[in-house]
């Protein structure tokens, strides 16, 4: 990724091109769902180790999707804040059926 995006509306279409492989999107969805479950466990138990588990689940799913299936480098390496937001928008679009998974 050589271009630096300054707005989310510019970045998100690029982000979707980096997730063209359906299996990559699925690993993102599974990892993000696991991260949400870990955060729920954190709230339920108060055990701070669930934060580590949430990060491992979320990033693990994304990295597996990119390195194994999509064969590209995660956009979060270059633009972490826009990528974090885009991941949750993509998650919501998959959850609501606006984006296939």
N, C-alpha and C. Protein backbone atom coordinates (compact mmCIF):
# COMPACT_ATOMS: atom_id res chain seq x y z
N UNK A 1 0.85 -1.17 0.00
CA UNK A 1 0.00 0.00 0.00
C UNK A 1 0.89 1.23 0.00
N UNK A 2 0.84 1.99 -1.05
CA UNK A 2 1.69 3.17 -1.15
C UNK A 2 0.91 4.46 -0.92
N UNK A 3 -0.38 4.44 -1.20
CA UNK A 3 -1.17 5.66 -1.04
C UNK A 3 -1.64 5.81 0.40
N UNK A 4 -1.55 7.03 0.92
CA UNK A 4 -2.06 7.33 2.26
C UNK A 4 -3.44 7.94 2.10
N UNK A 5 -4.41 7.37 2.72
CA UNK A 5 -5.78 7.87 2.64
C UNK A 5 -6.04 8.82 3.80
N UNK A 6 -6.77 9.87 3.52
CA UNK A 6 -7.05 10.87 4.55
C UNK A 6 -8.48 10.81 5.05
N UNK A 7 -9.35 10.10 4.34
CA UNK A 7 -10.73 9.99 4.79
C UNK A 7 -11.19 8.54 4.70
N UNK A 8 -12.15 8.22 5.52
CA UNK A 8 -12.69 6.87 5.52
C UNK A 8 -13.40 6.57 4.20
N UNK A 9 -14.09 7.54 3.65
CA UNK A 9 -14.82 7.32 2.39
C UNK A 9 -13.87 7.01 1.24
N UNK A 10 -12.66 7.50 1.28
CA UNK A 10 -11.65 7.15 0.27
C UNK A 10 -11.04 5.78 0.57
N UNK A 11 -10.84 5.51 1.83
CA UNK A 11 -10.13 4.31 2.25
C UNK A 11 -10.96 3.03 2.10
N UNK A 12 -12.26 3.10 2.44
CA UNK A 12 -13.05 1.88 2.50
C UNK A 12 -13.13 1.11 1.18
N UNK A 13 -13.31 1.77 0.04
CA UNK A 13 -13.30 1.00 -1.22
C UNK A 13 -11.96 0.27 -1.44
N UNK A 14 -10.85 0.91 -1.10
CA UNK A 14 -9.56 0.23 -1.18
C UNK A 14 -9.53 -0.96 -0.23
N UNK A 15 -10.01 -0.76 0.99
CA UNK A 15 -10.03 -1.82 2.00
C UNK A 15 -10.76 -3.05 1.48
N UNK A 16 -11.90 -2.83 0.82
CA UNK A 16 -12.66 -3.96 0.29
C UNK A 16 -11.89 -4.70 -0.81
N UNK A 17 -11.08 -3.99 -1.59
CA UNK A 17 -10.28 -4.69 -2.61
C UNK A 17 -9.24 -5.60 -1.97
N UNK A 18 -8.84 -5.28 -0.77
CA UNK A 18 -7.87 -6.10 -0.04
C UNK A 18 -8.52 -7.30 0.64
N UNK A 19 -9.84 -7.41 0.49
CA UNK A 19 -10.61 -8.50 1.09
C UNK A 19 -11.51 -9.14 0.04
N UNK A 20 -10.99 -9.28 -1.17
CA UNK A 20 -11.76 -9.85 -2.27
C UNK A 20 -12.01 -11.34 -2.08
N UNK A 21 -11.10 -12.03 -1.44
CA UNK A 21 -11.23 -13.46 -1.19
C UNK A 21 -12.24 -13.69 -0.07
N UNK A 22 -13.27 -14.48 -0.37
CA UNK A 22 -14.33 -14.71 0.62
C UNK A 22 -13.81 -15.40 1.87
N UNK A 23 -12.83 -16.27 1.73
CA UNK A 23 -12.30 -16.96 2.91
C UNK A 23 -11.58 -15.95 3.81
N UNK A 24 -10.90 -14.99 3.21
CA UNK A 24 -10.26 -13.93 4.00
C UNK A 24 -11.32 -13.17 4.80
N UNK A 25 -12.42 -12.81 4.16
CA UNK A 25 -13.50 -12.11 4.88
C UNK A 25 -14.06 -12.99 5.99
N UNK A 26 -14.17 -14.26 5.73
CA UNK A 26 -14.70 -15.18 6.75
C UNK A 26 -13.76 -15.27 7.95
N UNK A 27 -12.45 -15.34 7.70
CA UNK A 27 -11.53 -15.40 8.84
C UNK A 27 -11.57 -14.10 9.65
N UNK A 28 -11.77 -12.97 8.95
CA UNK A 28 -11.96 -11.70 9.66
C UNK A 28 -13.20 -11.78 10.54
N UNK A 29 -14.30 -12.25 9.97
CA UNK A 29 -15.56 -12.30 10.69
C UNK A 29 -15.46 -13.22 11.91
N UNK A 30 -14.85 -14.37 11.73
CA UNK A 30 -14.69 -15.31 12.84
C UNK A 30 -13.79 -14.72 13.92
N UNK A 31 -12.68 -14.12 13.50
CA UNK A 31 -11.77 -13.51 14.48
C UNK A 31 -12.42 -12.35 15.23
N UNK A 32 -13.17 -11.52 14.52
CA UNK A 32 -13.85 -10.39 15.17
C UNK A 32 -14.94 -10.88 16.11
N UNK A 33 -15.66 -11.93 15.71
CA UNK A 33 -16.68 -12.51 16.59
C UNK A 33 -16.04 -13.07 17.86
N UNK A 34 -14.90 -13.72 17.68
CA UNK A 34 -14.17 -14.23 18.84
C UNK A 34 -13.71 -13.10 19.75
N UNK A 35 -13.26 -12.00 19.15
CA UNK A 35 -12.83 -10.85 19.95
C UNK A 35 -13.99 -10.29 20.75
N UNK A 36 -15.16 -10.20 20.14
CA UNK A 36 -16.34 -9.72 20.87
C UNK A 36 -16.70 -10.66 22.02
N UNK A 37 -16.60 -11.96 21.77
CA UNK A 37 -16.87 -12.93 22.84
C UNK A 37 -15.87 -12.78 23.99
N UNK A 38 -14.62 -12.54 23.65
CA UNK A 38 -13.59 -12.33 24.68
C UNK A 38 -13.87 -11.07 25.48
N UNK A 39 -14.32 -10.03 24.82
CA UNK A 39 -14.66 -8.79 25.55
C UNK A 39 -15.87 -9.00 26.45
N UNK A 40 -16.81 -9.81 26.01
CA UNK A 40 -17.95 -10.15 26.87
C UNK A 40 -17.46 -10.93 28.09
N UNK A 41 -16.52 -11.85 27.88
CA UNK A 41 -15.95 -12.60 29.00
C UNK A 41 -15.20 -11.68 29.95
N UNK A 42 -14.53 -10.67 29.42
CA UNK A 42 -13.85 -9.69 30.26
C UNK A 42 -14.84 -8.98 31.17
N UNK A 43 -15.95 -8.56 30.60
CA UNK A 43 -16.98 -7.86 31.38
C UNK A 43 -17.56 -8.81 32.44
N UNK A 44 -17.79 -10.06 32.05
CA UNK A 44 -18.41 -11.02 32.96
C UNK A 44 -17.49 -11.44 34.10
N UNK A 45 -16.19 -11.54 33.81
CA UNK A 45 -15.27 -12.09 34.81
C UNK A 45 -14.36 -11.05 35.45
N UNK A 46 -14.11 -9.95 34.74
CA UNK A 46 -13.17 -8.96 35.24
C UNK A 46 -11.72 -9.37 35.07
N UNK A 47 -11.49 -10.49 34.39
CA UNK A 47 -10.14 -10.99 34.19
C UNK A 47 -9.53 -10.28 32.98
N UNK A 48 -8.48 -9.51 33.21
CA UNK A 48 -7.87 -8.69 32.16
C UNK A 48 -7.20 -9.52 31.07
N UNK A 49 -6.94 -10.79 31.30
CA UNK A 49 -6.34 -11.63 30.27
C UNK A 49 -7.26 -11.79 29.06
N UNK A 50 -8.54 -11.53 29.24
CA UNK A 50 -9.46 -11.59 28.10
C UNK A 50 -9.14 -10.52 27.06
N UNK A 51 -8.50 -9.44 27.48
CA UNK A 51 -8.09 -8.41 26.52
C UNK A 51 -7.04 -9.00 25.56
N UNK A 52 -6.11 -9.72 26.11
CA UNK A 52 -5.08 -10.39 25.29
C UNK A 52 -5.74 -11.38 24.34
N UNK A 53 -6.67 -12.15 24.87
CA UNK A 53 -7.37 -13.14 24.04
C UNK A 53 -8.15 -12.45 22.91
N UNK A 54 -8.75 -11.30 23.21
CA UNK A 54 -9.49 -10.56 22.18
C UNK A 54 -8.57 -10.10 21.07
N UNK A 55 -7.40 -9.59 21.43
CA UNK A 55 -6.43 -9.14 20.43
C UNK A 55 -5.92 -10.31 19.59
N UNK A 56 -5.62 -11.42 20.23
CA UNK A 56 -5.15 -12.60 19.50
C UNK A 56 -6.22 -13.09 18.54
N UNK A 57 -7.46 -13.14 19.00
CA UNK A 57 -8.54 -13.60 18.15
C UNK A 57 -8.77 -12.67 16.97
N UNK A 58 -8.88 -11.38 17.23
CA UNK A 58 -9.15 -10.42 16.18
C UNK A 58 -8.04 -10.33 15.16
N UNK A 59 -6.83 -10.11 15.63
CA UNK A 59 -5.70 -10.00 14.69
C UNK A 59 -5.33 -11.34 14.10
N UNK A 60 -5.46 -12.40 14.87
CA UNK A 60 -5.15 -13.73 14.35
C UNK A 60 -6.02 -14.09 13.16
N UNK A 61 -7.32 -13.86 13.29
CA UNK A 61 -8.22 -14.14 12.18
C UNK A 61 -7.88 -13.32 10.95
N UNK A 62 -7.60 -12.05 11.17
CA UNK A 62 -7.27 -11.16 10.05
C UNK A 62 -5.96 -11.59 9.38
N UNK A 63 -4.95 -11.85 10.16
CA UNK A 63 -3.64 -12.18 9.60
C UNK A 63 -3.66 -13.52 8.87
N UNK A 64 -4.39 -14.48 9.41
CA UNK A 64 -4.52 -15.76 8.71
C UNK A 64 -5.19 -15.52 7.35
N UNK A 65 -6.25 -14.73 7.36
CA UNK A 65 -6.94 -14.44 6.12
C UNK A 65 -6.05 -13.77 5.08
N UNK A 66 -5.25 -12.83 5.52
CA UNK A 66 -4.40 -12.11 4.57
C UNK A 66 -3.20 -12.93 4.11
N UNK A 67 -2.47 -13.50 5.02
CA UNK A 67 -1.24 -14.19 4.65
C UNK A 67 -1.48 -15.54 4.00
N UNK A 68 -2.55 -16.24 4.40
CA UNK A 68 -2.80 -17.58 3.88
C UNK A 68 -3.70 -17.55 2.64
N UNK A 69 -4.77 -16.76 2.68
CA UNK A 69 -5.76 -16.82 1.61
C UNK A 69 -5.69 -15.65 0.63
N UNK A 70 -5.59 -14.45 1.13
CA UNK A 70 -5.59 -13.27 0.26
C UNK A 70 -4.21 -13.02 -0.35
N UNK A 71 -3.18 -13.49 0.34
CA UNK A 71 -1.79 -13.32 -0.11
C UNK A 71 -1.40 -11.84 -0.24
N UNK A 72 -1.82 -11.05 0.73
CA UNK A 72 -1.42 -9.65 0.75
C UNK A 72 -1.12 -9.23 2.19
N UNK A 73 -0.68 -8.03 2.33
CA UNK A 73 -0.30 -7.49 3.64
C UNK A 73 -1.49 -6.73 4.22
N UNK A 74 -1.84 -6.97 5.48
CA UNK A 74 -2.98 -6.27 6.06
C UNK A 74 -2.82 -4.75 6.00
N UNK A 75 -3.89 -4.07 5.66
CA UNK A 75 -3.87 -2.61 5.58
C UNK A 75 -3.61 -1.98 6.95
N UNK A 76 -3.85 -2.74 8.01
CA UNK A 76 -3.65 -2.20 9.36
C UNK A 76 -2.18 -1.89 9.63
N UNK A 77 -1.27 -2.48 8.86
CA UNK A 77 0.14 -2.17 9.05
C UNK A 77 0.44 -0.73 8.64
N UNK A 78 -0.25 -0.24 7.62
CA UNK A 78 0.00 1.12 7.12
C UNK A 78 -0.96 2.16 7.69
N UNK A 79 -2.22 1.79 7.87
CA UNK A 79 -3.22 2.74 8.35
C UNK A 79 -4.10 2.06 9.40
N UNK A 80 -3.59 1.92 10.61
CA UNK A 80 -4.29 1.12 11.63
C UNK A 80 -5.66 1.66 12.05
N UNK A 81 -5.81 2.96 12.19
CA UNK A 81 -7.10 3.48 12.65
C UNK A 81 -8.19 3.34 11.61
N UNK A 82 -7.88 3.68 10.36
CA UNK A 82 -8.86 3.49 9.29
C UNK A 82 -9.18 2.01 9.09
N UNK A 83 -8.18 1.17 9.23
CA UNK A 83 -8.39 -0.27 9.07
C UNK A 83 -9.26 -0.84 10.17
N UNK A 84 -9.06 -0.38 11.39
CA UNK A 84 -9.87 -0.85 12.52
C UNK A 84 -11.34 -0.50 12.27
N UNK A 85 -11.58 0.74 11.88
CA UNK A 85 -12.95 1.16 11.60
C UNK A 85 -13.52 0.37 10.42
N UNK A 86 -12.74 0.22 9.35
CA UNK A 86 -13.20 -0.50 8.17
C UNK A 86 -13.52 -1.96 8.49
N UNK A 87 -12.75 -2.57 9.37
CA UNK A 87 -13.00 -3.96 9.73
C UNK A 87 -14.38 -4.10 10.37
N UNK A 88 -14.75 -3.16 11.23
CA UNK A 88 -16.06 -3.25 11.88
C UNK A 88 -17.19 -2.89 10.94
N UNK A 89 -16.95 -2.00 10.00
CA UNK A 89 -17.96 -1.72 8.98
C UNK A 89 -18.17 -2.97 8.12
N UNK A 90 -17.07 -3.60 7.70
CA UNK A 90 -17.16 -4.83 6.92
C UNK A 90 -17.87 -5.92 7.72
N UNK A 91 -17.55 -6.04 8.99
CA UNK A 91 -18.20 -7.02 9.87
C UNK A 91 -19.70 -6.80 9.87
N UNK A 92 -20.12 -5.55 10.08
CA UNK A 92 -21.54 -5.22 10.13
C UNK A 92 -22.21 -5.52 8.78
N UNK A 93 -21.54 -5.19 7.69
CA UNK A 93 -22.11 -5.46 6.38
C UNK A 93 -22.25 -6.95 6.12
N UNK A 94 -21.33 -7.76 6.61
CA UNK A 94 -21.45 -9.21 6.47
C UNK A 94 -22.58 -9.72 7.36
N UNK A 95 -22.66 -9.20 8.57
CA UNK A 95 -23.69 -9.62 9.52
C UNK A 95 -25.09 -9.31 9.00
N UNK A 96 -25.24 -8.18 8.33
CA UNK A 96 -26.55 -7.75 7.84
C UNK A 96 -26.83 -8.18 6.39
N UNK A 97 -25.89 -8.89 5.76
CA UNK A 97 -26.11 -9.40 4.43
C UNK A 97 -25.81 -8.43 3.30
N UNK A 98 -25.26 -7.27 3.60
CA UNK A 98 -24.90 -6.30 2.57
C UNK A 98 -23.62 -6.69 1.85
N UNK A 99 -22.82 -7.54 2.46
CA UNK A 99 -21.57 -8.01 1.87
C UNK A 99 -21.53 -9.52 2.05
N UNK A 100 -21.27 -10.22 0.97
CA UNK A 100 -21.26 -11.69 1.06
C UNK A 100 -20.07 -12.16 1.88
N UNK A 101 -20.27 -13.29 2.51
CA UNK A 101 -19.17 -13.90 3.23
C UNK A 101 -19.25 -15.39 3.07
